[in-house]
Amino acid sequence: QVQLVESGGGLVQAGGSLRLSCVASGRTFSTTAMGWFRQAPGKERGFVAAISGDSPYYAEYTDSVKGRFAISRDNAKNTVYLQMNSVMPEDTAVYYCAANPRSSGVYSGLRDYAIWGQGTQVTVSS
């Protein structure tokens, strides 16, 4: 069973950068589809970015973060990252890492992922 632990959240000024990390346990990480989602207060959890589990790695992003955020993975460290640049106050949310160990594709739906981390808070001040 894969378990996920996020870190790297915090308070950042608008225009700044932050890198989130998600460490996964389990032996199948290198072929596991991974994603990042976020949930702001009073809003539903929504898709941010995803990366495939097979090389070459394909990534997908929600429109609002394209060109600002980048998802990557280091299979040697069982870790997936979300590099957040040029952050804006509307990026404020709890960010969740998600895994689909049964597939190596790229997925943007909540229901595509069976395993979730506990979340890490990102707050962007204006």
N, C-alpha and C. Protein backbone atom coordinates (compact mmCIF):
# COMPACT_ATOMS: atom_id res chain seq x y z
N GLN A 1 0.85 -1.19 0.00
CA GLN A 1 0.00 0.00 0.00
C GLN A 1 0.89 1.25 0.00
N VAL A 2 0.66 2.12 -0.96
CA VAL A 2 1.42 3.36 -1.05
C VAL A 2 0.90 4.35 -0.02
N GLN A 3 1.81 5.03 0.66
CA GLN A 3 1.46 6.12 1.55
C GLN A 3 2.20 7.37 1.11
N LEU A 4 1.55 8.54 1.25
CA LEU A 4 2.09 9.79 0.75
C LEU A 4 2.23 10.80 1.88
N VAL A 5 3.35 11.52 1.88
CA VAL A 5 3.57 12.57 2.87
C VAL A 5 4.06 13.82 2.14
N GLU A 6 3.26 14.89 2.22
CA GLU A 6 3.62 16.15 1.58
C GLU A 6 4.39 17.04 2.54
N SER A 7 5.19 17.93 1.96
CA SER A 7 5.90 18.94 2.74
C SER A 7 6.23 20.11 1.83
N GLY A 8 6.68 21.20 2.43
CA GLY A 8 7.12 22.34 1.64
C GLY A 8 6.16 23.51 1.61
N GLY A 9 5.00 23.33 2.18
CA GLY A 9 4.04 24.44 2.20
C GLY A 9 4.48 25.54 3.15
N GLY A 10 3.80 26.67 3.08
CA GLY A 10 4.13 27.77 3.96
C GLY A 10 3.55 29.07 3.45
N LEU A 11 4.07 30.17 4.00
CA LEU A 11 3.64 31.50 3.61
C LEU A 11 4.65 32.10 2.64
N VAL A 12 4.15 32.62 1.53
CA VAL A 12 5.02 33.21 0.51
C VAL A 12 4.34 34.46 -0.03
N GLN A 13 5.12 35.43 -0.42
CA GLN A 13 4.58 36.66 -1.00
C GLN A 13 4.23 36.43 -2.46
N ALA A 14 3.27 37.17 -2.92
CA ALA A 14 2.88 37.11 -4.33
C ALA A 14 4.10 37.39 -5.20
N GLY A 15 4.24 36.58 -6.25
CA GLY A 15 5.39 36.70 -7.13
C GLY A 15 6.55 35.81 -6.74
N GLY A 16 6.48 35.23 -5.56
CA GLY A 16 7.55 34.38 -5.08
C GLY A 16 7.41 32.94 -5.55
N SER A 17 8.26 32.09 -4.99
CA SER A 17 8.29 30.67 -5.38
C SER A 17 8.26 29.76 -4.17
N LEU A 18 7.80 28.56 -4.43
CA LEU A 18 7.71 27.54 -3.38
C LEU A 18 7.82 26.19 -4.07
N ARG A 19 8.44 25.23 -3.41
CA ARG A 19 8.48 23.87 -3.96
C ARG A 19 7.88 22.89 -2.97
N LEU A 20 6.86 22.22 -3.41
CA LEU A 20 6.23 21.18 -2.61
C LEU A 20 6.84 19.83 -2.95
N SER A 21 6.94 18.99 -1.93
CA SER A 21 7.45 17.64 -2.12
C SER A 21 6.44 16.63 -1.61
N CYS A 22 6.42 15.49 -2.23
CA CYS A 22 5.55 14.39 -1.80
C CYS A 22 6.37 13.11 -1.85
N VAL A 23 6.63 12.54 -0.68
CA VAL A 23 7.40 11.31 -0.60
C VAL A 23 6.43 10.14 -0.49
N ALA A 24 6.66 9.14 -1.33
CA ALA A 24 5.79 7.97 -1.36
C ALA A 24 6.52 6.74 -0.86
N SER A 25 5.81 5.94 -0.09
CA SER A 25 6.35 4.65 0.30
C SER A 25 5.85 3.61 -0.69
N GLY A 26 6.50 2.48 -0.75
CA GLY A 26 6.04 1.44 -1.65
C GLY A 26 7.02 1.20 -2.78
N ARG A 27 6.99 0.00 -3.30
CA ARG A 27 7.98 -0.40 -4.30
C ARG A 27 7.55 -0.11 -5.72
N THR A 28 6.32 0.32 -5.93
CA THR A 28 5.84 0.53 -7.29
C THR A 28 5.81 1.99 -7.68
N PHE A 29 6.49 2.86 -6.93
CA PHE A 29 6.39 4.29 -7.19
C PHE A 29 6.82 4.65 -8.60
N SER A 30 7.84 4.00 -9.12
CA SER A 30 8.41 4.40 -10.41
C SER A 30 7.42 4.25 -11.55
N THR A 31 6.38 3.47 -11.38
CA THR A 31 5.38 3.30 -12.44
C THR A 31 4.02 3.83 -12.03
N THR A 32 3.98 4.59 -10.96
CA THR A 32 2.72 5.09 -10.41
C THR A 32 2.39 6.48 -10.95
N ALA A 33 1.17 6.64 -11.44
CA ALA A 33 0.71 7.95 -11.86
C ALA A 33 0.54 8.83 -10.63
N MET A 34 1.01 10.07 -10.71
CA MET A 34 0.98 10.99 -9.57
C MET A 34 0.31 12.30 -9.95
N GLY A 35 -0.31 12.93 -8.97
CA GLY A 35 -0.96 14.19 -9.24
C GLY A 35 -0.94 15.11 -8.03
N TRP A 36 -1.16 16.39 -8.30
CA TRP A 36 -1.34 17.40 -7.25
C TRP A 36 -2.71 18.04 -7.43
N PHE A 37 -3.39 18.21 -6.31
CA PHE A 37 -4.68 18.87 -6.28
C PHE A 37 -4.63 19.93 -5.19
N ARG A 38 -5.61 20.83 -5.20
CA ARG A 38 -5.66 21.84 -4.15
C ARG A 38 -7.10 22.15 -3.79
N GLN A 39 -7.26 22.61 -2.55
CA GLN A 39 -8.58 22.95 -2.07
C GLN A 39 -8.50 24.24 -1.25
N ALA A 40 -9.17 25.27 -1.75
CA ALA A 40 -9.24 26.54 -1.05
C ALA A 40 -10.46 26.53 -0.13
N PRO A 41 -10.47 27.38 0.89
CA PRO A 41 -11.62 27.41 1.81
C PRO A 41 -12.92 27.66 1.07
N GLY A 42 -13.90 26.82 1.36
CA GLY A 42 -15.21 26.97 0.76
C GLY A 42 -15.31 26.50 -0.67
N LYS A 43 -14.24 25.91 -1.19
CA LYS A 43 -14.26 25.43 -2.57
C LYS A 43 -13.99 23.93 -2.63
N GLU A 44 -14.35 23.34 -3.75
CA GLU A 44 -14.09 21.93 -3.94
C GLU A 44 -12.62 21.70 -4.30
N ARG A 45 -12.18 20.50 -4.01
CA ARG A 45 -10.80 20.12 -4.37
C ARG A 45 -10.69 20.05 -5.88
N GLY A 46 -9.63 20.66 -6.42
CA GLY A 46 -9.48 20.70 -7.86
C GLY A 46 -8.09 20.31 -8.33
N PHE A 47 -8.03 19.92 -9.58
CA PHE A 47 -6.80 19.46 -10.20
C PHE A 47 -5.80 20.59 -10.41
N VAL A 48 -4.53 20.30 -10.16
CA VAL A 48 -3.46 21.25 -10.40
C VAL A 48 -2.51 20.73 -11.48
N ALA A 49 -1.94 19.55 -11.24
CA ALA A 49 -0.95 19.00 -12.18
C ALA A 49 -0.86 17.49 -11.99
N ALA A 50 -0.40 16.81 -13.04
CA ALA A 50 -0.21 15.36 -12.97
C ALA A 50 0.98 14.97 -13.83
N ILE A 51 1.57 13.84 -13.49
CA ILE A 51 2.71 13.33 -14.24
C ILE A 51 2.55 11.83 -14.39
N SER A 52 2.94 11.33 -15.57
CA SER A 52 2.78 9.91 -15.83
C SER A 52 3.81 9.09 -15.06
N GLY A 53 3.57 7.78 -15.01
CA GLY A 53 4.44 6.90 -14.26
C GLY A 53 5.49 6.22 -15.08
N ASP A 54 5.47 6.42 -16.40
CA ASP A 54 6.46 5.79 -17.28
C ASP A 54 7.26 6.85 -18.02
N SER A 55 8.50 6.52 -18.30
CA SER A 55 9.34 7.39 -19.11
C SER A 55 9.05 7.11 -20.59
N PRO A 56 8.96 8.14 -21.46
CA PRO A 56 9.10 9.56 -21.15
C PRO A 56 7.92 10.06 -20.33
N TYR A 57 8.19 10.96 -19.42
CA TYR A 57 7.15 11.43 -18.51
C TYR A 57 6.34 12.55 -19.15
N TYR A 58 5.05 12.36 -19.14
CA TYR A 58 4.14 13.37 -19.65
C TYR A 58 3.50 14.09 -18.47
N ALA A 59 3.28 15.38 -18.66
CA ALA A 59 2.67 16.18 -17.60
C ALA A 59 1.45 16.90 -18.14
N GLU A 60 0.55 17.20 -17.23
CA GLU A 60 -0.66 17.93 -17.58
C GLU A 60 -0.92 18.94 -16.47
N TYR A 61 -1.46 20.12 -16.85
CA TYR A 61 -1.69 21.18 -15.88
C TYR A 61 -3.06 21.80 -16.08
N THR A 62 -3.62 22.30 -15.00
CA THR A 62 -4.82 23.09 -15.15
C THR A 62 -4.41 24.44 -15.74
N ASP A 63 -5.31 25.08 -16.48
CA ASP A 63 -4.95 26.28 -17.23
C ASP A 63 -4.39 27.39 -16.36
N SER A 64 -4.90 27.54 -15.16
CA SER A 64 -4.50 28.67 -14.33
C SER A 64 -3.06 28.59 -13.83
N VAL A 65 -2.42 27.44 -13.94
CA VAL A 65 -1.03 27.32 -13.46
C VAL A 65 -0.04 27.07 -14.58
N LYS A 66 -0.52 26.93 -15.81
CA LYS A 66 0.39 26.68 -16.93
C LYS A 66 1.38 27.82 -17.08
N GLY A 67 2.65 27.46 -17.23
CA GLY A 67 3.70 28.45 -17.35
C GLY A 67 4.24 28.94 -16.01
N ARG A 68 3.58 28.60 -14.93
CA ARG A 68 4.03 29.03 -13.59
C ARG A 68 4.44 27.85 -12.72
N PHE A 69 3.72 26.75 -12.82
CA PHE A 69 4.00 25.57 -12.00
C PHE A 69 4.63 24.48 -12.86
N ALA A 70 5.43 23.63 -12.22
CA ALA A 70 6.02 22.49 -12.91
C ALA A 70 6.03 21.28 -12.00
N ILE A 71 5.54 20.18 -12.51
CA ILE A 71 5.56 18.93 -11.77
C ILE A 71 6.72 18.07 -12.27
N SER A 72 7.38 17.40 -11.35
CA SER A 72 8.48 16.52 -11.73
C SER A 72 8.55 15.37 -10.72
N ARG A 73 9.36 14.38 -11.05
CA ARG A 73 9.50 13.25 -10.14
C ARG A 73 10.92 12.76 -10.12
N ASP A 74 11.32 12.22 -8.99
CA ASP A 74 12.63 11.60 -8.82
C ASP A 74 12.37 10.20 -8.28
N ASN A 75 12.39 9.23 -9.16
CA ASN A 75 12.04 7.88 -8.75
C ASN A 75 13.05 7.28 -7.78
N ALA A 76 14.29 7.73 -7.85
CA ALA A 76 15.31 7.23 -6.92
C ALA A 76 14.98 7.65 -5.48
N LYS A 77 14.26 8.76 -5.35
CA LYS A 77 13.90 9.26 -4.02
C LYS A 77 12.42 9.04 -3.71
N ASN A 78 11.71 8.35 -4.58
CA ASN A 78 10.27 8.12 -4.39
C ASN A 78 9.54 9.43 -4.12
N THR A 79 9.88 10.45 -4.86
CA THR A 79 9.37 11.79 -4.58
C THR A 79 8.84 12.45 -5.85
N VAL A 80 7.72 13.13 -5.71
CA VAL A 80 7.20 13.97 -6.76
C VAL A 80 7.18 15.41 -6.23
N TYR A 81 7.50 16.36 -7.11
CA TYR A 81 7.61 17.75 -6.72
C TYR A 81 6.59 18.61 -7.47
N LEU A 82 6.26 19.73 -6.86
CA LEU A 82 5.49 20.76 -7.54
C LEU A 82 6.22 22.08 -7.32
N GLN A 83 6.90 22.54 -8.36
CA GLN A 83 7.58 23.82 -8.30
C GLN A 83 6.57 24.90 -8.65
N MET A 84 6.40 25.83 -7.72
CA MET A 84 5.40 26.89 -7.88
C MET A 84 6.14 28.22 -8.02
N ASN A 85 6.05 28.84 -9.17
CA ASN A 85 6.69 30.13 -9.42
C ASN A 85 5.62 31.19 -9.70
N SER A 86 6.00 32.44 -9.51
CA SER A 86 5.08 33.56 -9.76
C SER A 86 3.73 33.31 -9.10
N VAL A 87 3.77 32.93 -7.84
CA VAL A 87 2.52 32.58 -7.15
C VAL A 87 1.65 33.81 -6.97
N MET A 88 0.36 33.55 -6.88
CA MET A 88 -0.63 34.62 -6.75
C MET A 88 -1.52 34.31 -5.55
N PRO A 89 -2.17 35.30 -4.98
CA PRO A 89 -3.04 35.04 -3.81
C PRO A 89 -4.08 33.96 -4.08
N GLU A 90 -4.53 33.86 -5.33
CA GLU A 90 -5.54 32.83 -5.64
C GLU A 90 -4.97 31.42 -5.64
N ASP A 91 -3.66 31.29 -5.48
CA ASP A 91 -3.05 29.96 -5.34
C ASP A 91 -3.13 29.46 -3.90
N THR A 92 -3.60 30.30 -3.00
CA THR A 92 -3.73 29.91 -1.60
C THR A 92 -4.70 28.75 -1.45
N ALA A 93 -4.23 27.68 -0.84
CA ALA A 93 -5.05 26.47 -0.69
C ALA A 93 -4.25 25.42 0.08
N VAL A 94 -4.93 24.36 0.44
CA VAL A 94 -4.25 23.16 0.92
C VAL A 94 -3.95 22.32 -0.31
N TYR A 95 -2.71 21.94 -0.46
CA TYR A 95 -2.27 21.16 -1.62
C TYR A 95 -2.12 19.70 -1.23
N TYR A 96 -2.71 18.83 -2.05
CA TYR A 96 -2.70 17.41 -1.79
C TYR A 96 -1.97 16.66 -2.90
N CYS A 97 -1.19 15.70 -2.51
CA CYS A 97 -0.54 14.78 -3.43
C CYS A 97 -1.42 13.54 -3.55
N ALA A 98 -1.48 12.96 -4.75
CA ALA A 98 -2.33 11.79 -4.98
C ALA A 98 -1.60 10.78 -5.86
N ALA A 99 -1.95 9.51 -5.67
CA ALA A 99 -1.29 8.45 -6.42
C ALA A 99 -2.29 7.45 -6.97
N ASN A 100 -1.97 6.94 -8.17
CA ASN A 100 -2.74 5.86 -8.77
C ASN A 100 -1.75 4.75 -9.10
N PRO A 101 -1.51 3.85 -8.14
CA PRO A 101 -0.50 2.81 -8.36
C PRO A 101 -0.92 1.75 -9.37
N ARG A 102 -2.16 1.77 -9.81
CA ARG A 102 -2.63 0.78 -10.78
C ARG A 102 -2.45 1.22 -12.21
N SER A 103 -1.92 2.45 -12.39
CA SER A 103 -1.77 2.93 -13.75
C SER A 103 -0.59 3.86 -13.86
N SER A 104 -0.06 4.00 -15.07
CA SER A 104 1.08 4.88 -15.30
C SER A 104 0.72 6.03 -16.22
N GLY A 105 -0.57 6.29 -16.39
CA GLY A 105 -1.00 7.36 -17.27
C GLY A 105 -0.98 8.72 -16.62
N VAL A 106 -1.61 9.69 -17.28
CA VAL A 106 -1.74 11.05 -16.76
C VAL A 106 -3.22 11.30 -16.52
N TYR A 107 -3.57 11.66 -15.30
CA TYR A 107 -4.98 11.79 -14.93
C TYR A 107 -5.25 13.09 -14.21
N SER A 108 -6.39 13.70 -14.52
CA SER A 108 -6.75 14.96 -13.89
C SER A 108 -8.00 14.87 -13.02
N GLY A 109 -8.59 13.70 -12.93
CA GLY A 109 -9.82 13.56 -12.16
C GLY A 109 -9.56 13.09 -10.75
N LEU A 110 -10.36 13.59 -9.82
CA LEU A 110 -10.25 13.17 -8.43
C LEU A 110 -10.42 11.66 -8.30
N ARG A 111 -11.36 11.12 -9.05
CA ARG A 111 -11.68 9.70 -8.92
C ARG A 111 -10.63 8.79 -9.56
N ASP A 112 -9.69 9.38 -10.27
CA ASP A 112 -8.60 8.57 -10.85
C ASP A 112 -7.57 8.17 -9.81
N TYR A 113 -7.63 8.79 -8.65
CA TYR A 113 -6.63 8.56 -7.62
C TYR A 113 -7.25 7.93 -6.38
N ALA A 114 -6.61 6.87 -5.91
CA ALA A 114 -7.14 6.15 -4.75
C ALA A 114 -6.40 6.48 -3.46
N ILE A 115 -5.21 7.05 -3.60
CA ILE A 115 -4.36 7.28 -2.43
C ILE A 115 -4.03 8.76 -2.34
N TRP A 116 -4.20 9.34 -1.14
CA TRP A 116 -4.02 10.77 -0.93
C TRP A 116 -3.13 11.03 0.27
N GLY A 117 -2.39 12.13 0.19
CA GLY A 117 -1.63 12.58 1.33
C GLY A 117 -2.50 13.41 2.26
N GLN A 118 -1.88 13.91 3.33
CA GLN A 118 -2.64 14.65 4.34
C GLN A 118 -2.79 16.12 3.97
N GLY A 119 -2.03 16.59 3.00
CA GLY A 119 -2.13 17.97 2.56
C GLY A 119 -1.12 18.88 3.22
N THR A 120 -0.76 19.94 2.51
CA THR A 120 0.14 20.95 3.05
C THR A 120 -0.39 22.33 2.66
N GLN A 121 -0.42 23.23 3.61
CA GLN A 121 -1.03 24.55 3.40
C GLN A 121 -0.06 25.48 2.68
N VAL A 122 -0.57 26.13 1.65
CA VAL A 122 0.16 27.18 0.94
C VAL A 122 -0.65 28.46 1.05
N THR A 123 -0.02 29.50 1.58
CA THR A 123 -0.68 30.79 1.72
C THR A 123 0.15 31.84 1.00
N VAL A 124 -0.50 32.55 0.07
CA VAL A 124 0.18 33.58 -0.71
C VAL A 124 -0.36 34.93 -0.28
N SER A 125 0.53 35.77 0.20
CA SER A 125 0.12 37.10 0.64
C SER A 125 0.30 38.11 -0.48
N SER A 126 -0.59 39.08 -0.51
CA SER A 126 -0.54 40.10 -1.58
C SER A 126 0.30 41.29 -1.17
